[in-house]
Amino acid sequence: DLDLEAARVVDPATDPEARLSWKRNGVNLGALRAGWWKMKKGGKALVFLTAPGEAVYVPTRQGYVFMATVADPRGFLEALRRVAR
């Protein structure tokens, strides 16, 4: 149920669509943010951020966003799209 057409690379600190508001059921320790979070613009996100900077932002058709830190965000999204084809 991933919306790979709308998936993109974001910086959660500066992208208004990707800004986190408060944790619903998760962890916030230094740079680590994991679990369910509420988004500033509304909605919820399943988040696994381990460092500041770029992350993958993948909307789902189930009403939430998946956001994670990965070593190569652009390569990660391309691999997901390639597998989905």
N, C-alpha and C. Protein backbone atom coordinates (compact mmCIF):
# COMPACT_ATOMS: atom_id res chain seq x y z
N ASP A 1 0.80 -1.20 0.00
CA ASP A 1 0.00 0.00 0.00
C ASP A 1 0.85 1.27 0.00
N LEU A 2 2.08 1.19 -0.47
CA LEU A 2 2.94 2.38 -0.54
C LEU A 2 2.59 3.19 -1.78
N ASP A 3 2.51 4.49 -1.63
CA ASP A 3 2.28 5.39 -2.76
C ASP A 3 3.65 5.85 -3.26
N LEU A 4 4.29 5.03 -4.08
CA LEU A 4 5.66 5.31 -4.51
C LEU A 4 5.74 6.48 -5.48
N GLU A 5 4.65 6.81 -6.13
CA GLU A 5 4.65 7.99 -7.02
C GLU A 5 4.82 9.27 -6.21
N ALA A 6 4.28 9.29 -5.00
CA ALA A 6 4.35 10.48 -4.16
C ALA A 6 5.55 10.45 -3.20
N ALA A 7 6.28 9.34 -3.19
CA ALA A 7 7.44 9.21 -2.30
C ALA A 7 8.55 10.16 -2.75
N ARG A 8 9.29 10.67 -1.78
CA ARG A 8 10.37 11.60 -2.11
C ARG A 8 11.38 11.67 -0.97
N VAL A 9 12.46 12.37 -1.24
CA VAL A 9 13.48 12.62 -0.22
C VAL A 9 13.16 13.97 0.42
N VAL A 10 13.17 14.02 1.76
CA VAL A 10 12.84 15.24 2.49
C VAL A 10 13.87 15.49 3.59
N ASP A 11 13.87 16.70 4.08
CA ASP A 11 14.58 17.03 5.32
C ASP A 11 13.50 17.38 6.33
N PRO A 12 13.23 16.50 7.29
CA PRO A 12 12.14 16.74 8.24
C PRO A 12 12.26 18.04 9.03
N ALA A 13 13.46 18.59 9.12
CA ALA A 13 13.65 19.84 9.86
C ALA A 13 13.18 21.05 9.07
N THR A 14 13.15 20.95 7.74
CA THR A 14 12.83 22.12 6.93
C THR A 14 11.63 21.94 6.01
N ASP A 15 11.25 20.73 5.68
CA ASP A 15 10.12 20.48 4.78
C ASP A 15 8.81 20.55 5.57
N PRO A 16 7.92 21.51 5.26
CA PRO A 16 6.69 21.65 6.03
C PRO A 16 5.81 20.40 6.02
N GLU A 17 5.81 19.64 4.94
CA GLU A 17 5.00 18.41 4.86
C GLU A 17 5.54 17.31 5.77
N ALA A 18 6.83 17.35 6.07
CA ALA A 18 7.47 16.27 6.81
C ALA A 18 7.75 16.60 8.27
N ARG A 19 7.34 17.77 8.71
CA ARG A 19 7.63 18.17 10.10
C ARG A 19 6.82 17.36 11.09
N LEU A 20 7.49 16.91 12.13
CA LEU A 20 6.83 16.13 13.18
C LEU A 20 6.33 17.07 14.26
N SER A 21 5.20 16.71 14.86
CA SER A 21 4.62 17.52 15.90
C SER A 21 4.92 16.93 17.28
N TRP A 22 4.33 15.78 17.58
CA TRP A 22 4.60 15.14 18.86
C TRP A 22 4.43 13.64 18.71
N LYS A 23 5.13 12.92 19.59
CA LYS A 23 5.07 11.47 19.49
C LYS A 23 3.79 10.94 20.11
N ARG A 24 3.21 9.99 19.43
CA ARG A 24 1.99 9.35 19.92
C ARG A 24 2.33 8.08 20.69
N ASN A 25 3.26 7.33 20.13
CA ASN A 25 3.72 6.09 20.76
C ASN A 25 5.10 5.82 20.19
N GLY A 26 6.11 6.42 20.79
CA GLY A 26 7.43 6.29 20.21
C GLY A 26 8.53 6.76 21.13
N VAL A 27 9.69 6.99 20.53
CA VAL A 27 10.90 7.36 21.25
C VAL A 27 11.46 8.64 20.66
N ASN A 28 11.98 9.50 21.54
CA ASN A 28 12.65 10.73 21.12
C ASN A 28 13.88 10.89 22.01
N LEU A 29 15.02 10.35 21.54
CA LEU A 29 16.27 10.39 22.31
C LEU A 29 17.36 10.99 21.43
N GLY A 30 17.72 12.23 21.66
CA GLY A 30 18.72 12.89 20.82
C GLY A 30 18.25 12.95 19.38
N ALA A 31 19.03 12.40 18.48
CA ALA A 31 18.65 12.40 17.06
C ALA A 31 17.70 11.26 16.71
N LEU A 32 17.54 10.28 17.61
CA LEU A 32 16.67 9.14 17.34
C LEU A 32 15.20 9.51 17.56
N ARG A 33 14.42 9.29 16.52
CA ARG A 33 12.97 9.41 16.61
C ARG A 33 12.40 8.16 15.98
N ALA A 34 11.67 7.39 16.76
CA ALA A 34 11.14 6.12 16.25
C ALA A 34 9.74 5.90 16.80
N GLY A 35 8.88 5.31 15.98
CA GLY A 35 7.53 4.99 16.40
C GLY A 35 6.51 5.85 15.68
N TRP A 36 5.32 5.97 16.27
CA TRP A 36 4.22 6.72 15.69
C TRP A 36 4.26 8.17 16.14
N TRP A 37 4.18 9.08 15.19
CA TRP A 37 4.23 10.51 15.45
C TRP A 37 3.08 11.21 14.76
N LYS A 38 2.65 12.32 15.32
CA LYS A 38 1.68 13.20 14.68
C LYS A 38 2.46 14.20 13.83
N MET A 39 1.92 14.51 12.65
CA MET A 39 2.57 15.47 11.75
C MET A 39 2.04 16.87 12.02
N LYS A 40 2.89 17.89 11.83
CA LYS A 40 2.47 19.29 12.06
C LYS A 40 1.28 19.68 11.20
N LYS A 41 1.25 19.21 9.95
CA LYS A 41 0.16 19.56 9.05
C LYS A 41 -1.01 18.59 9.15
N GLY A 42 -1.00 17.74 10.14
CA GLY A 42 -2.07 16.76 10.32
C GLY A 42 -1.65 15.40 9.80
N GLY A 43 -2.34 14.39 10.24
CA GLY A 43 -2.00 13.03 9.85
C GLY A 43 -1.01 12.42 10.82
N LYS A 44 -0.64 11.19 10.50
CA LYS A 44 0.31 10.49 11.37
C LYS A 44 1.40 9.86 10.52
N ALA A 45 2.51 9.52 11.19
CA ALA A 45 3.66 8.96 10.50
C ALA A 45 4.29 7.86 11.35
N LEU A 46 4.74 6.82 10.67
CA LEU A 46 5.57 5.79 11.28
C LEU A 46 7.00 6.19 10.96
N VAL A 47 7.78 6.52 11.99
CA VAL A 47 9.06 7.20 11.82
C VAL A 47 10.21 6.37 12.38
N PHE A 48 11.30 6.35 11.61
CA PHE A 48 12.55 5.74 12.05
C PHE A 48 13.69 6.65 11.60
N LEU A 49 13.88 7.76 12.31
CA LEU A 49 14.92 8.73 11.98
C LEU A 49 16.06 8.56 12.97
N THR A 50 17.28 8.42 12.44
CA THR A 50 18.43 8.18 13.31
C THR A 50 19.46 9.30 13.25
N ALA A 51 19.27 10.25 12.33
CA ALA A 51 20.23 11.36 12.19
C ALA A 51 19.51 12.54 11.54
N PRO A 52 19.96 13.75 11.80
CA PRO A 52 19.37 14.89 11.11
C PRO A 52 19.72 14.85 9.62
N GLY A 53 18.94 15.53 8.82
CA GLY A 53 19.21 15.59 7.38
C GLY A 53 18.17 14.84 6.59
N GLU A 54 18.58 14.36 5.42
CA GLU A 54 17.65 13.76 4.48
C GLU A 54 17.10 12.42 4.96
N ALA A 55 15.84 12.19 4.60
CA ALA A 55 15.16 10.94 4.91
C ALA A 55 14.20 10.62 3.77
N VAL A 56 13.78 9.37 3.69
CA VAL A 56 12.75 9.01 2.71
C VAL A 56 11.38 9.28 3.33
N TYR A 57 10.47 9.74 2.49
CA TYR A 57 9.10 10.10 2.89
C TYR A 57 8.19 9.34 1.94
N VAL A 58 7.50 8.33 2.47
CA VAL A 58 6.67 7.47 1.63
C VAL A 58 5.24 7.46 2.16
N PRO A 59 4.32 8.15 1.48
CA PRO A 59 2.91 8.09 1.88
C PRO A 59 2.36 6.69 1.63
N THR A 60 1.36 6.32 2.40
CA THR A 60 0.70 5.03 2.18
C THR A 60 -0.77 5.27 1.88
N ARG A 61 -1.40 4.25 1.36
CA ARG A 61 -2.84 4.32 1.07
C ARG A 61 -3.66 3.95 2.30
N GLN A 62 -2.99 3.77 3.43
CA GLN A 62 -3.67 3.44 4.68
C GLN A 62 -3.75 4.64 5.62
N GLY A 63 -3.43 5.83 5.09
CA GLY A 63 -3.63 7.04 5.87
C GLY A 63 -2.47 7.49 6.74
N TYR A 64 -1.29 6.93 6.52
CA TYR A 64 -0.13 7.41 7.27
C TYR A 64 1.07 7.49 6.34
N VAL A 65 2.13 8.11 6.84
CA VAL A 65 3.37 8.28 6.10
C VAL A 65 4.44 7.43 6.77
N PHE A 66 5.30 6.80 5.97
CA PHE A 66 6.49 6.11 6.48
C PHE A 66 7.67 7.02 6.21
N MET A 67 8.46 7.32 7.24
CA MET A 67 9.61 8.19 7.07
C MET A 67 10.81 7.55 7.79
N ALA A 68 11.95 7.45 7.08
CA ALA A 68 13.11 6.79 7.67
C ALA A 68 14.42 7.38 7.15
N THR A 69 15.43 7.31 7.99
CA THR A 69 16.78 7.64 7.59
C THR A 69 17.39 6.40 6.95
N VAL A 70 17.95 6.56 5.76
CA VAL A 70 18.66 5.47 5.09
C VAL A 70 19.97 6.03 4.53
N ALA A 71 20.93 5.17 4.26
CA ALA A 71 22.24 5.62 3.80
C ALA A 71 22.17 6.35 2.47
N ASP A 72 21.34 5.86 1.55
CA ASP A 72 21.21 6.45 0.22
C ASP A 72 19.73 6.63 -0.09
N PRO A 73 19.13 7.75 0.33
CA PRO A 73 17.69 7.91 0.17
C PRO A 73 17.21 7.82 -1.28
N ARG A 74 17.92 8.44 -2.20
CA ARG A 74 17.50 8.40 -3.61
C ARG A 74 17.62 6.98 -4.18
N GLY A 75 18.69 6.30 -3.85
CA GLY A 75 18.87 4.92 -4.28
C GLY A 75 17.82 4.00 -3.68
N PHE A 76 17.47 4.24 -2.41
CA PHE A 76 16.45 3.45 -1.74
C PHE A 76 15.11 3.58 -2.45
N LEU A 77 14.71 4.83 -2.76
CA LEU A 77 13.43 5.04 -3.46
C LEU A 77 13.44 4.43 -4.85
N GLU A 78 14.55 4.56 -5.56
CA GLU A 78 14.65 3.96 -6.90
C GLU A 78 14.53 2.45 -6.82
N ALA A 79 15.16 1.83 -5.82
CA ALA A 79 15.06 0.38 -5.65
C ALA A 79 13.62 -0.04 -5.34
N LEU A 80 12.93 0.72 -4.49
CA LEU A 80 11.53 0.41 -4.21
C LEU A 80 10.68 0.49 -5.48
N ARG A 81 10.90 1.53 -6.24
CA ARG A 81 10.12 1.70 -7.49
C ARG A 81 10.44 0.60 -8.49
N ARG A 82 11.70 0.21 -8.57
CA ARG A 82 12.10 -0.84 -9.50
C ARG A 82 11.44 -2.18 -9.12
N VAL A 83 11.42 -2.50 -7.83
CA VAL A 83 10.80 -3.74 -7.37
C VAL A 83 9.29 -3.72 -7.60
N ALA A 84 8.67 -2.55 -7.45
CA ALA A 84 7.22 -2.44 -7.61
C ALA A 84 6.76 -2.58 -9.07
N ARG A 85 7.67 -2.31 -10.01
CA ARG A 85 7.30 -2.40 -11.44
C ARG A 85 7.08 -3.79 -11.86
